[in-house]
């Protein structure tokens, strides 16, 4: 089983949103009944032993703050990832 969930973070109406970027992440979103992965879903998946990899980020916000810095900070840290997309995990 692939335990690495790859995500694509996009700005949607000014809010960072996590989209699945590999088959495992797509299956998790399907199980959750969503097209994106919410902060709660990310936190629960992390508790089950899944790890996260941010493939890339899209949007003006990411260009401004530096997507590479954001990715290196949140890579493998689901709590920070969940907070980034709006949760309190």
C-alpha atoms as a PDB file:
ATOM      1  CA  UNK A   1       0.000   0.000   0.000  1.00  0.00           C
ATOM      2  CA  UNK A   2       1.257   3.469  -0.896  1.00  0.00           C
ATOM      3  CA  UNK A   3       1.349   5.483   2.331  1.00  0.00           C
ATOM      4  CA  UNK A   4       2.651   8.698   0.770  1.00  0.00           C
ATOM      5  CA  UNK A   5      -0.148  11.075  -0.149  1.00  0.00           C
ATOM      6  CA  UNK A   6       0.927  13.677  -2.679  1.00  0.00           C
ATOM      7  CA  UNK A   7      -0.865  17.016  -2.642  1.00  0.00           C
ATOM      8  CA  UNK A   8      -1.126  20.051  -4.866  1.00  0.00           C
ATOM      9  CA  UNK A   9      -1.873  23.228  -2.910  1.00  0.00           C
ATOM     10  CA  UNK A  10      -3.887  25.840  -4.810  1.00  0.00           C
ATOM     11  CA  UNK A  11      -5.352  29.176  -3.808  1.00  0.00           C
ATOM     12  CA  UNK A  12      -9.154  29.053  -4.080  1.00  0.00           C
ATOM     13  CA  UNK A  13     -10.868  32.360  -3.290  1.00  0.00           C
ATOM     14  CA  UNK A  14      -7.783  33.355  -1.309  1.00  0.00           C
ATOM     15  CA  UNK A  15      -7.681  30.181   0.779  1.00  0.00           C
ATOM     16  CA  UNK A  16      -5.016  27.454   0.424  1.00  0.00           C
ATOM     17  CA  UNK A  17      -6.722  24.219  -0.666  1.00  0.00           C
ATOM     18  CA  UNK A  18      -5.165  20.733  -0.888  1.00  0.00           C
ATOM     19  CA  UNK A  19      -5.906  18.712  -4.032  1.00  0.00           C
ATOM     20  CA  UNK A  20      -4.885  15.055  -4.406  1.00  0.00           C
ATOM     21  CA  UNK A  21      -1.854  14.580  -6.698  1.00  0.00           C
ATOM     22  CA  UNK A  22      -1.475  10.797  -6.714  1.00  0.00           C
ATOM     23  CA  UNK A  23      -3.749   7.737  -6.711  1.00  0.00           C
ATOM     24  CA  UNK A  24      -3.518   7.191  -2.947  1.00  0.00           C
ATOM     25  CA  UNK A  25      -4.547  10.786  -2.204  1.00  0.00           C
ATOM     26  CA  UNK A  26      -7.377  10.534  -4.741  1.00  0.00           C
ATOM     27  CA  UNK A  27      -8.670   7.394  -3.003  1.00  0.00           C
ATOM     28  CA  UNK A  28      -8.581   9.147   0.372  1.00  0.00           C
ATOM     29  CA  UNK A  29     -10.561  12.103  -1.010  1.00  0.00           C
ATOM     30  CA  UNK A  30     -13.045   9.652  -2.518  1.00  0.00           C
ATOM     31  CA  UNK A  31     -13.461   7.881   0.830  1.00  0.00           C
ATOM     32  CA  UNK A  32     -13.965  11.279   2.507  1.00  0.00           C
ATOM     33  CA  UNK A  33     -16.552  12.195  -0.141  1.00  0.00           C
ATOM     34  CA  UNK A  34     -14.669  15.318  -1.214  1.00  0.00           C
ATOM     35  CA  UNK A  35     -12.643  16.530  -4.191  1.00  0.00           C
ATOM     36  CA  UNK A  36     -10.054  18.130  -1.909  1.00  0.00           C
ATOM     37  CA  UNK A  37      -8.415  16.966   1.297  1.00  0.00           C
ATOM     38  CA  UNK A  38      -9.605  18.916   4.309  1.00  0.00           C
ATOM     39  CA  UNK A  39      -7.506  19.683   7.370  1.00  0.00           C
ATOM     40  CA  UNK A  40      -9.501  17.088   9.310  1.00  0.00           C
ATOM     41  CA  UNK A  41      -8.930  14.395   6.678  1.00  0.00           C
ATOM     42  CA  UNK A  42      -5.204  15.160   6.626  1.00  0.00           C
ATOM     43  CA  UNK A  43      -5.001  14.949  10.422  1.00  0.00           C
ATOM     44  CA  UNK A  44      -6.864  11.620  10.500  1.00  0.00           C
ATOM     45  CA  UNK A  45      -4.733  10.153   7.704  1.00  0.00           C
ATOM     46  CA  UNK A  46      -1.561  11.246   9.525  1.00  0.00           C
ATOM     47  CA  UNK A  47      -2.800   9.515  12.680  1.00  0.00           C
ATOM     48  CA  UNK A  48      -3.234   6.347  10.590  1.00  0.00           C
ATOM     49  CA  UNK A  49       0.407   6.513   9.496  1.00  0.00           C
ATOM     50  CA  UNK A  50       0.153   8.231   6.128  1.00  0.00           C
ATOM     51  CA  UNK A  51       2.784  10.785   5.185  1.00  0.00           C
ATOM     52  CA  UNK A  52       2.340  13.798   2.945  1.00  0.00           C
ATOM     53  CA  UNK A  53       4.364  15.232   0.123  1.00  0.00           C
ATOM     54  CA  UNK A  54       3.519  18.574  -1.419  1.00  0.00           C
ATOM     55  CA  UNK A  55       4.260  18.332  -5.131  1.00  0.00           C
ATOM     56  CA  UNK A  56       3.902  21.995  -5.978  1.00  0.00           C
ATOM     57  CA  UNK A  57       1.908  25.065  -5.155  1.00  0.00           C
ATOM     58  CA  UNK A  58      -0.102  27.278  -7.493  1.00  0.00           C
ATOM     59  CA  UNK A  59      -1.165  30.900  -7.152  1.00  0.00           C
ATOM     60  CA  UNK A  60       0.030  34.444  -6.607  1.00  0.00           C
ATOM     61  CA  UNK A  61       0.335  33.935  -2.840  1.00  0.00           C
ATOM     62  CA  UNK A  62       2.866  31.159  -3.357  1.00  0.00           C
ATOM     63  CA  UNK A  63       4.860  33.238  -5.806  1.00  0.00           C
ATOM     64  CA  UNK A  64       4.974  36.074  -3.297  1.00  0.00           C
ATOM     65  CA  UNK A  65       6.069  34.097  -0.209  1.00  0.00           C
ATOM     66  CA  UNK A  66       8.223  31.576  -2.051  1.00  0.00           C
ATOM     67  CA  UNK A  67       6.696  28.183  -2.698  1.00  0.00           C
ATOM     68  CA  UNK A  68       9.981  26.331  -2.142  1.00  0.00           C
ATOM     69  CA  UNK A  69      10.273  27.698   1.395  1.00  0.00           C
ATOM     70  CA  UNK A  70       6.696  26.713   2.195  1.00  0.00           C
ATOM     71  CA  UNK A  71       7.124  23.214   0.775  1.00  0.00           C
ATOM     72  CA  UNK A  72      10.348  22.552   2.669  1.00  0.00           C
ATOM     73  CA  UNK A  73       8.709  23.731   5.903  1.00  0.00           C
ATOM     74  CA  UNK A  74       5.539  21.620   5.681  1.00  0.00           C
ATOM     75  CA  UNK A  75       6.970  18.521   3.970  1.00  0.00           C
ATOM     76  CA  UNK A  76       6.248  15.537   6.202  1.00  0.00           C
ATOM     77  CA  UNK A  77       4.591  17.702   8.857  1.00  0.00           C
ATOM     78  CA  UNK A  78       0.840  17.078   8.588  1.00  0.00           C
ATOM     79  CA  UNK A  79       0.000  19.374  11.510  1.00  0.00           C
ATOM     80  CA  UNK A  80       1.509  22.372   9.727  1.00  0.00           C
ATOM     81  CA  UNK A  81      -0.067  21.257   6.460  1.00  0.00           C
ATOM     82  CA  UNK A  82      -3.501  21.045   8.095  1.00  0.00           C
ATOM     83  CA  UNK A  83      -3.071  24.502   9.622  1.00  0.00           C
ATOM     84  CA  UNK A  84      -2.026  25.916   6.277  1.00  0.00           C
ATOM     85  CA  UNK A  85      -5.250  24.784   4.643  1.00  0.00           C
ATOM     86  CA  UNK A  86      -7.397  26.115   7.454  1.00  0.00           C
ATOM     87  CA  UNK A  87      -7.642  23.533  10.214  1.00  0.00           C
ATOM     88  CA  UNK A  88      -6.670  23.629  13.855  1.00  0.00           C
ATOM     89  CA  UNK A  89      -4.943  20.236  13.859  1.00  0.00           C
END
